[in-house]
Amino acid sequence: MTFTVKIINPYPTGPLKKLLEEYFLIPRKIRHFLRIKKNVTVNSQAVNWQSLVRRGDLIQLNFDNTDYPVKKIPMGNKALIDCLYQDEHLIIVNKIEGIKTHANEPNEIALLNHVSAYVGQTCYVVHRLDMETSGAVLFAKNPFILPILNRLLEKKAIKREYWALAQGQFSERTIIYREPIGRDRHDRRKRVVDHEHGQTAITQVALLKQYPNASLVNCQLQTGRTHQIRLHLAYHDHAIVGDPLYSQQTAPRLMLHAHQLSFTHPLTLEKINVEAPSVTFEKGLPNNVPHSKKLDK
């Protein structure tokens, strides 16, 4: 895969080697090729690895197929993409419910394929949503920024907030669930609370609005386990309305929506904050609460 990345350095003064290694997370092998082929310039000038790079300097990185081998996937339908934000490095889209984030089979078409068609090249999944969940999803446009975004995710620097319509009423305005999550040995589709072998899982829940038999809550993830919100709420007798795995209450769809995604752009230090509307989620709320209306606190 041949591509060029131009960056106005947003970081403090330091050696070029440190910038490439510690901030841009470029693997050693690729850094070696960049150096040997002189594929890095600073302010259009060739420099050595110990040269100082200052804030505001123009860094140009030229990658070729030796650095990142070509990865091709089937292109989907670009008309299906609702783009919330994009620049030359990343794109955030509004996923509808009922579609997978990425394919599990070679010829399967999922959101990633549609995003790639929209962008015009293969993109890369940074985080995923369950097939039944709608809302904001982040994709990398090139393999250079993918590990940088993955590091933000690991450091919990990408803030994800979800709306969920949960069964029953909450006795507290805010609560944090900390039950560890593991696989269900009897049903490979499901997860269970596993205090002995489960992975750490933390979900912060805030009540937005009470209804007679349900509650609209805002859920913020501090970890990203599969089915984390769905399982934590169900474990505390607040299963999400319409959840086909953890709830007995039916609805046209799973009432879970990733409504907000925010983080600091790692290459510009710009604050990115997007909100994803969902007509189908709003229609499923009691009294049809519109997305634009301020919710009760």
C-alpha atoms as a PDB file:
ATOM      1  CA  MET A   1       0.000   0.000   0.000  1.00  0.00           C
ATOM      2  CA  THR A   2       1.579   3.266  -1.150  1.00  0.00           C
ATOM      3  CA  PHE A   3       0.536   6.469   0.565  1.00  0.00           C
ATOM      4  CA  THR A   4       1.928   9.718   1.960  1.00  0.00           C
ATOM      5  CA  VAL A   5       1.210  11.267   5.341  1.00  0.00           C
ATOM      6  CA  LYS A   6       1.846  14.970   5.983  1.00  0.00           C
ATOM      7  CA  ILE A   7       1.649  16.183   9.574  1.00  0.00           C
ATOM      8  CA  ILE A   8       2.181  19.573  11.170  1.00  0.00           C
ATOM      9  CA  ASN A   9       3.989  18.387  14.303  1.00  0.00           C
ATOM     10  CA  PRO A  10       1.819  19.163  17.365  1.00  0.00           C
ATOM     11  CA  TYR A  11       4.262  17.703  19.893  1.00  0.00           C
ATOM     12  CA  PRO A  12       7.101  19.265  21.939  1.00  0.00           C
ATOM     13  CA  THR A  13      10.605  19.593  20.482  1.00  0.00           C
ATOM     14  CA  GLY A  14      12.459  16.294  20.379  1.00  0.00           C
ATOM     15  CA  PRO A  15      14.518  13.963  18.161  1.00  0.00           C
ATOM     16  CA  LEU A  16      12.851  12.662  15.001  1.00  0.00           C
ATOM     17  CA  LYS A  17      13.474   9.097  16.211  1.00  0.00           C
ATOM     18  CA  LYS A  18      11.413   9.721  19.354  1.00  0.00           C
ATOM     19  CA  LEU A  19       8.566  11.277  17.367  1.00  0.00           C
ATOM     20  CA  LEU A  20       8.330   8.284  15.027  1.00  0.00           C
ATOM     21  CA  GLU A  21       8.747   5.696  17.753  1.00  0.00           C
ATOM     22  CA  GLU A  22       6.878   7.052  20.779  1.00  0.00           C
ATOM     23  CA  TYR A  23       4.210   9.341  19.326  1.00  0.00           C
ATOM     24  CA  PHE A  24       3.534   7.775  15.920  1.00  0.00           C
ATOM     25  CA  LEU A  25       4.169   4.181  17.089  1.00  0.00           C
ATOM     26  CA  ILE A  26       5.793   3.207  13.793  1.00  0.00           C
ATOM     27  CA  PRO A  27       7.198  -0.351  14.118  1.00  0.00           C
ATOM     28  CA  ARG A  28      10.982  -0.805  14.092  1.00  0.00           C
ATOM     29  CA  LYS A  29      11.023  -2.607  10.735  1.00  0.00           C
ATOM     30  CA  ILE A  30       9.063   0.164   9.027  1.00  0.00           C
ATOM     31  CA  ARG A  31      11.209   2.864  10.674  1.00  0.00           C
ATOM     32  CA  HIS A  32      14.237   1.055   9.252  1.00  0.00           C
ATOM     33  CA  PHE A  33      12.819   1.155   5.718  1.00  0.00           C
ATOM     34  CA  LEU A  34      11.867   4.811   6.111  1.00  0.00           C
ATOM     35  CA  ARG A  35      15.430   5.656   7.131  1.00  0.00           C
ATOM     36  CA  ILE A  36      17.169   3.536   4.465  1.00  0.00           C
ATOM     37  CA  LYS A  37      14.961   4.856   1.667  1.00  0.00           C
ATOM     38  CA  LYS A  38      15.087   8.419   3.009  1.00  0.00           C
ATOM     39  CA  ASN A  39      11.288   8.481   3.017  1.00  0.00           C
ATOM     40  CA  VAL A  40      11.029  11.006   5.850  1.00  0.00           C
ATOM     41  CA  THR A  41      11.455  14.733   5.402  1.00  0.00           C
ATOM     42  CA  VAL A  42      11.105  17.655   7.808  1.00  0.00           C
ATOM     43  CA  ASN A  43      10.112  20.940   6.181  1.00  0.00           C
ATOM     44  CA  SER A  44      10.903  19.273   2.807  1.00  0.00           C
ATOM     45  CA  GLN A  45      14.469  18.533   3.892  1.00  0.00           C
ATOM     46  CA  ALA A  46      16.098  15.148   4.457  1.00  0.00           C
ATOM     47  CA  VAL A  47      17.242  14.846   8.078  1.00  0.00           C
ATOM     48  CA  ASN A  48      18.945  12.246  10.253  1.00  0.00           C
ATOM     49  CA  TRP A  49      17.217  10.298  13.012  1.00  0.00           C
ATOM     50  CA  GLN A  50      18.611  12.499  15.808  1.00  0.00           C
ATOM     51  CA  SER A  51      17.612  15.813  14.244  1.00  0.00           C
ATOM     52  CA  LEU A  52      15.337  17.905  16.429  1.00  0.00           C
ATOM     53  CA  VAL A  53      11.746  18.271  15.283  1.00  0.00           C
ATOM     54  CA  ARG A  54       9.913  21.305  16.611  1.00  0.00           C
ATOM     55  CA  ARG A  55       6.232  22.049  17.086  1.00  0.00           C
ATOM     56  CA  GLY A  56       4.858  23.345  13.778  1.00  0.00           C
ATOM     57  CA  ASP A  57       7.402  21.555  11.571  1.00  0.00           C
ATOM     58  CA  LEU A  58       5.997  19.800   8.507  1.00  0.00           C
ATOM     59  CA  ILE A  59       6.661  16.047   8.678  1.00  0.00           C
ATOM     60  CA  GLN A  60       6.219  14.030   5.495  1.00  0.00           C
ATOM     61  CA  LEU A  61       6.238  10.225   5.586  1.00  0.00           C
ATOM     62  CA  ASN A  62       6.192   8.237   2.346  1.00  0.00           C
ATOM     63  CA  PHE A  63       5.109   4.609   2.755  1.00  0.00           C
ATOM     64  CA  ASP A  64       5.213   1.896   0.087  1.00  0.00           C
ATOM     65  CA  ASN A  65       4.179  -1.740  -0.275  1.00  0.00           C
ATOM     66  CA  THR A  66       7.236  -2.907   1.664  1.00  0.00           C
ATOM     67  CA  ASP A  67       5.988  -0.970   4.679  1.00  0.00           C
ATOM     68  CA  TYR A  68       2.317  -1.910   4.520  1.00  0.00           C
ATOM     69  CA  PRO A  69       1.377  -4.774   2.153  1.00  0.00           C
ATOM     70  CA  VAL A  70      -1.763  -4.222   0.104  1.00  0.00           C
ATOM     71  CA  LYS A  71      -4.910  -5.391   1.896  1.00  0.00           C
ATOM     72  CA  LYS A  72      -8.007  -5.625  -0.268  1.00  0.00           C
ATOM     73  CA  ILE A  73     -11.579  -6.242   0.825  1.00  0.00           C
ATOM     74  CA  PRO A  74     -14.817  -6.249  -1.188  1.00  0.00           C
ATOM     75  CA  MET A  75     -16.226  -2.764  -1.625  1.00  0.00           C
ATOM     76  CA  GLY A  76     -19.748  -2.177  -0.287  1.00  0.00           C
ATOM     77  CA  ASN A  77     -22.326   0.521  -1.026  1.00  0.00           C
ATOM     78  CA  LYS A  78     -21.116   4.038  -0.249  1.00  0.00           C
ATOM     79  CA  ALA A  79     -24.690   5.352  -0.374  1.00  0.00           C
ATOM     80  CA  LEU A  80     -25.390   3.545   2.906  1.00  0.00           C
ATOM     81  CA  ILE A  81     -22.881   5.647   4.867  1.00  0.00           C
ATOM     82  CA  ASP A  82     -23.973   8.450   7.179  1.00  0.00           C
ATOM     83  CA  CYS A  83     -20.677  10.286   7.773  1.00  0.00           C
ATOM     84  CA  LEU A  84     -20.448  12.245  11.032  1.00  0.00           C
ATOM     85  CA  TYR A  85     -16.807  13.381  10.709  1.00  0.00           C
ATOM     86  CA  GLN A  86     -13.802  12.688   8.539  1.00  0.00           C
ATOM     87  CA  ASP A  87     -10.366  13.996   7.683  1.00  0.00           C
ATOM     88  CA  GLU A  88      -7.483  12.486   5.726  1.00  0.00           C
ATOM     89  CA  HIS A  89      -6.681  10.032   8.550  1.00  0.00           C
ATOM     90  CA  LEU A  90      -9.947   8.834  10.084  1.00  0.00           C
ATOM     91  CA  ILE A  91     -13.699   8.706   9.655  1.00  0.00           C
ATOM     92  CA  ILE A  92     -16.614   8.419  12.096  1.00  0.00           C
ATOM     93  CA  VAL A  93     -19.895   7.072  10.756  1.00  0.00           C
ATOM     94  CA  ASN A  94     -23.379   6.551  12.120  1.00  0.00           C
ATOM     95  CA  LYS A  95     -24.103   2.813  12.071  1.00  0.00           C
ATOM     96  CA  ILE A  96     -27.678   1.634  11.704  1.00  0.00           C
ATOM     97  CA  GLU A  97     -28.877  -1.355  13.705  1.00  0.00           C
ATOM     98  CA  GLY A  98     -28.930  -4.780  12.043  1.00  0.00           C
ATOM     99  CA  ILE A  99     -25.536  -4.638  10.335  1.00  0.00           C
ATOM    100  CA  LYS A 100     -22.192  -6.045  11.479  1.00  0.00           C
ATOM    101  CA  THR A 101     -19.274  -3.675  12.025  1.00  0.00           C
ATOM    102  CA  HIS A 102     -16.919  -5.998  10.139  1.00  0.00           C
ATOM    103  CA  ALA A 103     -17.290  -9.207   8.170  1.00  0.00           C
ATOM    104  CA  ASN A 104     -16.566 -12.612   9.669  1.00  0.00           C
ATOM    105  CA  GLU A 105     -16.363 -14.415   6.312  1.00  0.00           C
ATOM    106  CA  PRO A 106     -14.178 -13.507   3.267  1.00  0.00           C
ATOM    107  CA  ASN A 107     -17.051 -12.511   0.964  1.00  0.00           C
ATOM    108  CA  GLU A 108     -19.372 -11.128   3.629  1.00  0.00           C
ATOM    109  CA  ILE A 109     -20.343  -7.442   3.349  1.00  0.00           C
ATOM    110  CA  ALA A 110     -20.470  -5.368   6.540  1.00  0.00           C
ATOM    111  CA  LEU A 111     -20.188  -1.735   7.602  1.00  0.00           C
ATOM    112  CA  LEU A 112     -16.409  -1.751   7.052  1.00  0.00           C
ATOM    113  CA  ASN A 113     -16.970  -2.623   3.387  1.00  0.00           C
ATOM    114  CA  HIS A 114     -19.460   0.228   2.952  1.00  0.00           C
ATOM    115  CA  VAL A 115     -17.105   2.674   4.703  1.00  0.00           C
ATOM    116  CA  SER A 116     -14.227   1.573   2.472  1.00  0.00           C
ATOM    117  CA  ALA A 117     -16.388   2.174  -0.625  1.00  0.00           C
ATOM    118  CA  TYR A 118     -17.306   5.630   0.713  1.00  0.00           C
ATOM    119  CA  VAL A 119     -13.652   6.542   1.333  1.00  0.00           C
ATOM    120  CA  GLY A 120     -12.395   4.860  -1.850  1.00  0.00           C
ATOM    121  CA  GLN A 121      -9.844   2.585  -0.172  1.00  0.00           C
ATOM    122  CA  THR A 122      -9.599  -0.126   2.442  1.00  0.00           C
ATOM    123  CA  CYS A 123     -10.270   1.223   5.931  1.00  0.00           C
ATOM    124  CA  TYR A 124      -9.616  -0.339   9.340  1.00  0.00           C
ATOM    125  CA  VAL A 125     -11.863  -0.950  12.357  1.00  0.00           C
ATOM    126  CA  VAL A 126     -10.793   0.855  15.538  1.00  0.00           C
ATOM    127  CA  HIS A 127     -13.701  -0.332  17.692  1.00  0.00           C
ATOM    128  CA  ARG A 128     -16.898  -2.218  16.974  1.00  0.00           C
ATOM    129  CA  LEU A 129     -20.571  -2.173  17.876  1.00  0.00           C
ATOM    130  CA  ASP A 130     -22.773  -5.237  18.215  1.00  0.00           C
ATOM    131  CA  MET A 131     -24.865  -5.920  15.128  1.00  0.00           C
ATOM    132  CA  GLU A 132     -28.062  -4.892  16.949  1.00  0.00           C
ATOM    133  CA  THR A 133     -26.571  -1.617  18.263  1.00  0.00           C
ATOM    134  CA  SER A 134     -26.621   1.660  16.335  1.00  0.00           C
ATOM    135  CA  GLY A 135     -24.495   4.779  16.596  1.00  0.00           C
ATOM    136  CA  ALA A 136     -21.051   6.304  16.170  1.00  0.00           C
ATOM    137  CA  VAL A 137     -18.185   4.059  15.031  1.00  0.00           C
ATOM    138  CA  LEU A 138     -14.575   5.105  14.397  1.00  0.00           C
ATOM    139  CA  PHE A 139     -12.485   3.793  11.492  1.00  0.00           C
ATOM    140  CA  ALA A 140      -8.872   4.457  10.465  1.00  0.00           C
ATOM    141  CA  LYS A 141      -8.310   5.446   6.842  1.00  0.00           C
ATOM    142  CA  ASN A 142      -4.774   4.067   6.695  1.00  0.00           C
ATOM    143  CA  PRO A 143      -2.632   1.532   8.599  1.00  0.00           C
ATOM    144  CA  PHE A 144      -0.325   4.297   9.856  1.00  0.00           C
ATOM    145  CA  ILE A 145      -2.862   5.856  12.225  1.00  0.00           C
ATOM    146  CA  LEU A 146      -4.499   2.572  13.264  1.00  0.00           C
ATOM    147  CA  PRO A 147      -2.077   1.733  16.145  1.00  0.00           C
ATOM    148  CA  ILE A 148      -2.189   5.364  17.309  1.00  0.00           C
ATOM    149  CA  LEU A 149      -5.978   5.215  17.604  1.00  0.00           C
ATOM    150  CA  ASN A 150      -5.757   1.765  19.200  1.00  0.00           C
ATOM    151  CA  ARG A 151      -3.470   3.217  21.872  1.00  0.00           C
ATOM    152  CA  LEU A 152      -6.009   5.959  22.610  1.00  0.00           C
ATOM    153  CA  LEU A 153      -8.644   3.266  22.988  1.00  0.00           C
ATOM    154  CA  GLU A 154      -6.436   1.246  25.352  1.00  0.00           C
ATOM    155  CA  LYS A 155      -5.716   4.347  27.439  1.00  0.00           C
ATOM    156  CA  LYS A 156      -9.467   5.080  27.651  1.00  0.00           C
ATOM    157  CA  ALA A 157      -8.818   8.385  25.862  1.00  0.00           C
ATOM    158  CA  ILE A 158     -11.674   7.741  23.437  1.00  0.00           C
ATOM    159  CA  LYS A 159     -14.859   8.510  25.335  1.00  0.00           C
ATOM    160  CA  ARG A 160     -17.922   6.540  24.265  1.00  0.00           C
ATOM    161  CA  GLU A 161     -21.390   7.212  25.624  1.00  0.00           C
ATOM    162  CA  TYR A 162     -24.494   5.151  24.927  1.00  0.00           C
ATOM    163  CA  TRP A 163     -28.187   5.615  25.424  1.00  0.00           C
ATOM    164  CA  ALA A 164     -30.108   2.571  26.597  1.00  0.00           C
ATOM    165  CA  LEU A 165     -33.772   2.051  27.368  1.00  0.00           C
ATOM    166  CA  ALA A 166     -33.593  -0.296  30.350  1.00  0.00           C
ATOM    167  CA  GLN A 167     -36.383  -2.218  32.033  1.00  0.00           C
ATOM    168  CA  GLY A 168     -37.594  -1.041  35.427  1.00  0.00           C
ATOM    169  CA  GLN A 169     -36.695   2.031  37.454  1.00  0.00           C
ATOM    170  CA  PHE A 170     -33.390   2.985  39.072  1.00  0.00           C
ATOM    171  CA  SER A 171     -33.180   3.926  42.745  1.00  0.00           C
ATOM    172  CA  GLU A 172     -29.968   5.965  42.169  1.00  0.00           C
ATOM    173  CA  ARG A 173     -29.180   8.735  39.709  1.00  0.00           C
ATOM    174  CA  THR A 174     -25.695   7.388  39.010  1.00  0.00           C
ATOM    175  CA  ILE A 175     -24.135   4.006  39.600  1.00  0.00           C
ATOM    176  CA  ILE A 176     -21.002   2.125  38.522  1.00  0.00           C
ATOM    177  CA  TYR A 177     -21.133  -1.576  37.649  1.00  0.00           C
ATOM    178  CA  ARG A 178     -17.871  -3.488  38.069  1.00  0.00           C
ATOM    179  CA  GLU A 179     -18.764  -7.161  37.561  1.00  0.00           C
ATOM    180  CA  PRO A 180     -16.079  -9.042  35.540  1.00  0.00           C
ATOM    181  CA  ILE A 181     -17.240 -10.572  32.285  1.00  0.00           C
ATOM    182  CA  GLY A 182     -16.488 -13.970  30.788  1.00  0.00           C
ATOM    183  CA  ARG A 183     -17.842 -16.271  28.090  1.00  0.00           C
ATOM    184  CA  ASP A 184     -20.976 -18.323  28.552  1.00  0.00           C
ATOM    185  CA  ARG A 185     -19.874 -21.966  28.294  1.00  0.00           C
ATOM    186  CA  HIS A 186     -23.345 -23.054  27.217  1.00  0.00           C
ATOM    187  CA  ASP A 187     -24.081 -20.383  24.587  1.00  0.00           C
ATOM    188  CA  ARG A 188     -21.210 -19.008  22.503  1.00  0.00           C
ATOM    189  CA  ARG A 189     -23.281 -15.934  21.588  1.00  0.00           C
ATOM    190  CA  LYS A 190     -23.586 -14.772  25.186  1.00  0.00           C
ATOM    191  CA  ARG A 191     -21.422 -13.436  27.995  1.00  0.00           C
ATOM    192  CA  VAL A 192     -21.824 -13.983  31.752  1.00  0.00           C
ATOM    193  CA  VAL A 193     -20.652 -12.350  34.960  1.00  0.00           C
ATOM    194  CA  ASP A 194     -17.652 -14.462  36.015  1.00  0.00           C
ATOM    195  CA  HIS A 195     -16.099 -13.367  39.313  1.00  0.00           C
ATOM    196  CA  GLU A 196     -13.383 -16.015  39.161  1.00  0.00           C
ATOM    197  CA  HIS A 197     -12.096 -15.906  35.580  1.00  0.00           C
ATOM    198  CA  GLY A 198     -13.815 -12.914  33.964  1.00  0.00           C
ATOM    199  CA  GLN A 199     -12.125  -9.805  32.557  1.00  0.00           C
ATOM    200  CA  THR A 200     -12.398  -6.466  34.327  1.00  0.00           C
ATOM    201  CA  ALA A 201     -15.429  -4.516  33.139  1.00  0.00           C
ATOM    202  CA  ILE A 202     -16.564  -1.081  34.339  1.00  0.00           C
ATOM    203  CA  THR A 203     -19.721   0.695  33.195  1.00  0.00           C
ATOM    204  CA  GLN A 204     -20.862   4.072  34.538  1.00  0.00           C
ATOM    205  CA  VAL A 205     -24.636   4.521  34.344  1.00  0.00           C
ATOM    206  CA  ALA A 206     -26.511   7.824  34.734  1.00  0.00           C
ATOM    207  CA  LEU A 207     -30.289   8.144  34.782  1.00  0.00           C
ATOM    208  CA  LEU A 208     -31.681  10.494  32.125  1.00  0.00           C
ATOM    209  CA  LYS A 209     -35.435   9.938  32.313  1.00  0.00           C
ATOM    210  CA  GLN A 210     -37.862   7.667  34.142  1.00  0.00           C
ATOM    211  CA  TYR A 211     -40.893   6.067  32.541  1.00  0.00           C
ATOM    212  CA  PRO A 212     -43.572   3.942  34.259  1.00  0.00           C
ATOM    213  CA  ASN A 213     -41.914   0.641  33.359  1.00  0.00           C
ATOM    214  CA  ALA A 214     -38.532   1.635  31.942  1.00  0.00           C
ATOM    215  CA  SER A 215     -35.673   4.106  32.280  1.00  0.00           C
ATOM    216  CA  LEU A 216     -33.578   5.971  29.735  1.00  0.00           C
ATOM    217  CA  VAL A 217     -29.966   5.845  30.907  1.00  0.00           C
ATOM    218  CA  ASN A 218     -26.623   7.110  29.669  1.00  0.00           C
ATOM    219  CA  CYS A 219     -23.874   4.490  29.833  1.00  0.00           C
ATOM    220  CA  GLN A 220     -20.201   5.359  29.664  1.00  0.00           C
ATOM    221  CA  LEU A 221     -17.663   2.609  29.074  1.00  0.00           C
ATOM    222  CA  GLN A 222     -14.411   2.531  31.008  1.00  0.00           C
ATOM    223  CA  THR A 223     -13.600  -0.849  29.471  1.00  0.00           C
ATOM    224  CA  GLY A 224     -14.747  -2.375  26.203  1.00  0.00           C
ATOM    225  CA  ARG A 225     -15.881  -5.958  26.777  1.00  0.00           C
ATOM    226  CA  THR A 226     -18.250  -7.724  24.416  1.00  0.00           C
ATOM    227  CA  HIS A 227     -21.895  -7.111  25.452  1.00  0.00           C
ATOM    228  CA  GLN A 228     -20.641  -5.127  28.456  1.00  0.00           C
ATOM    229  CA  ILE A 229     -23.562  -2.678  28.769  1.00  0.00           C
ATOM    230  CA  ARG A 230     -26.120  -5.307  27.850  1.00  0.00           C
ATOM    231  CA  LEU A 231     -24.854  -7.805  30.412  1.00  0.00           C
ATOM    232  CA  HIS A 232     -24.246  -5.348  33.257  1.00  0.00           C
ATOM    233  CA  LEU A 233     -27.748  -3.914  32.977  1.00  0.00           C
ATOM    234  CA  ALA A 234     -29.355  -7.362  32.673  1.00  0.00           C
ATOM    235  CA  TYR A 235     -27.376  -8.680  35.659  1.00  0.00           C
ATOM    236  CA  HIS A 236     -28.884  -5.900  37.794  1.00  0.00           C
ATOM    237  CA  ASP A 237     -32.431  -6.618  36.570  1.00  0.00           C
ATOM    238  CA  HIS A 238     -32.432  -3.755  34.085  1.00  0.00           C
ATOM    239  CA  ALA A 239     -32.116  -5.644  30.800  1.00  0.00           C
ATOM    240  CA  ILE A 240     -32.229  -3.451  27.711  1.00  0.00           C
ATOM    241  CA  VAL A 241     -35.622  -3.405  26.048  1.00  0.00           C
ATOM    242  CA  GLY A 242     -35.576  -5.515  22.895  1.00  0.00           C
ATOM    243  CA  ASP A 243     -32.343  -7.346  23.745  1.00  0.00           C
ATOM    244  CA  PRO A 244     -32.638 -10.727  21.966  1.00  0.00           C
ATOM    245  CA  LEU A 245     -30.107 -12.397  24.291  1.00  0.00           C
ATOM    246  CA  TYR A 246     -30.616 -10.941  27.763  1.00  0.00           C
ATOM    247  CA  SER A 247     -34.221  -9.713  27.861  1.00  0.00           C
ATOM    248  CA  GLN A 248     -37.660 -11.305  27.744  1.00  0.00           C
ATOM    249  CA  GLN A 249     -39.274  -8.031  26.666  1.00  0.00           C
ATOM    250  CA  THR A 250     -39.649  -7.691  22.907  1.00  0.00           C
ATOM    251  CA  ALA A 251     -39.294  -4.527  20.841  1.00  0.00           C
ATOM    252  CA  PRO A 252     -38.692  -3.691  17.164  1.00  0.00           C
ATOM    253  CA  ARG A 253     -34.973  -3.329  17.919  1.00  0.00           C
ATOM    254  CA  LEU A 254     -32.381  -3.483  20.676  1.00  0.00           C
ATOM    255  CA  MET A 255     -32.777  -0.144  22.446  1.00  0.00           C
ATOM    256  CA  LEU A 256     -29.063   0.647  22.666  1.00  0.00           C
ATOM    257  CA  HIS A 257     -27.462   3.500  20.726  1.00  0.00           C
ATOM    258  CA  ALA A 258     -23.891   4.873  20.750  1.00  0.00           C
ATOM    259  CA  HIS A 259     -24.913   8.511  20.744  1.00  0.00           C
ATOM    260  CA  GLN A 260     -21.593  10.254  21.452  1.00  0.00           C
ATOM    261  CA  LEU A 261     -17.918   9.752  20.642  1.00  0.00           C
ATOM    262  CA  SER A 262     -15.182  12.168  21.729  1.00  0.00           C
ATOM    263  CA  PHE A 263     -11.387  12.254  21.835  1.00  0.00           C
ATOM    264  CA  THR A 264      -8.370  14.428  21.084  1.00  0.00           C
ATOM    265  CA  HIS A 265      -7.094  13.918  17.544  1.00  0.00           C
ATOM    266  CA  PRO A 266      -3.599  12.429  17.971  1.00  0.00           C
ATOM    267  CA  LEU A 267      -2.115  14.162  14.904  1.00  0.00           C
ATOM    268  CA  THR A 268      -3.628  17.636  15.310  1.00  0.00           C
ATOM    269  CA  LEU A 269      -4.605  17.725  19.025  1.00  0.00           C
ATOM    270  CA  GLU A 270      -8.022  18.986  17.882  1.00  0.00           C
ATOM    271  CA  LYS A 271     -10.948  18.102  20.152  1.00  0.00           C
ATOM    272  CA  ILE A 272     -13.296  15.802  18.240  1.00  0.00           C
ATOM    273  CA  ASN A 273     -16.837  15.406  19.570  1.00  0.00           C
ATOM    274  CA  VAL A 274     -19.656  13.911  17.510  1.00  0.00           C
ATOM    275  CA  GLU A 275     -23.236  12.952  18.283  1.00  0.00           C
ATOM    276  CA  ALA A 276     -25.110  10.362  16.277  1.00  0.00           C
ATOM    277  CA  PRO A 277     -28.864  10.725  15.793  1.00  0.00           C
ATOM    278  CA  SER A 278     -31.100   7.664  15.433  1.00  0.00           C
ATOM    279  CA  VAL A 279     -34.674   7.900  14.186  1.00  0.00           C
ATOM    280  CA  THR A 280     -35.405   4.259  15.031  1.00  0.00           C
ATOM    281  CA  PHE A 281     -34.106   4.608  18.584  1.00  0.00           C
ATOM    282  CA  GLU A 282     -36.137   7.762  19.175  1.00  0.00           C
ATOM    283  CA  LYS A 283     -39.285   6.101  17.833  1.00  0.00           C
ATOM    284  CA  GLY A 284     -38.819   3.300  20.340  1.00  0.00           C
ATOM    285  CA  LEU A 285     -38.787   5.633  23.340  1.00  0.00           C
ATOM    286  CA  PRO A 286     -41.982   6.101  25.353  1.00  0.00           C
ATOM    287  CA  ASN A 287     -43.712   9.345  24.332  1.00  0.00           C
ATOM    288  CA  ASN A 288     -41.327   9.466  21.356  1.00  0.00           C
ATOM    289  CA  VAL A 289     -38.719  11.755  22.975  1.00  0.00           C
ATOM    290  CA  PRO A 290     -36.979  13.600  20.099  1.00  0.00           C
ATOM    291  CA  HIS A 291     -33.184  13.551  19.810  1.00  0.00           C
ATOM    292  CA  SER A 292     -32.937  17.352  19.912  1.00  0.00           C
ATOM    293  CA  LYS A 293     -34.890  17.724  23.138  1.00  0.00           C
ATOM    294  CA  LYS A 294     -32.865  18.144  26.312  1.00  0.00           C
ATOM    295  CA  LEU A 295     -33.379  15.111  28.487  1.00  0.00           C
ATOM    296  CA  ASP A 296     -34.353  15.289  32.144  1.00  0.00           C
ATOM    297  CA  LYS A 297     -31.379  15.267  34.462  1.00  0.00           C
END
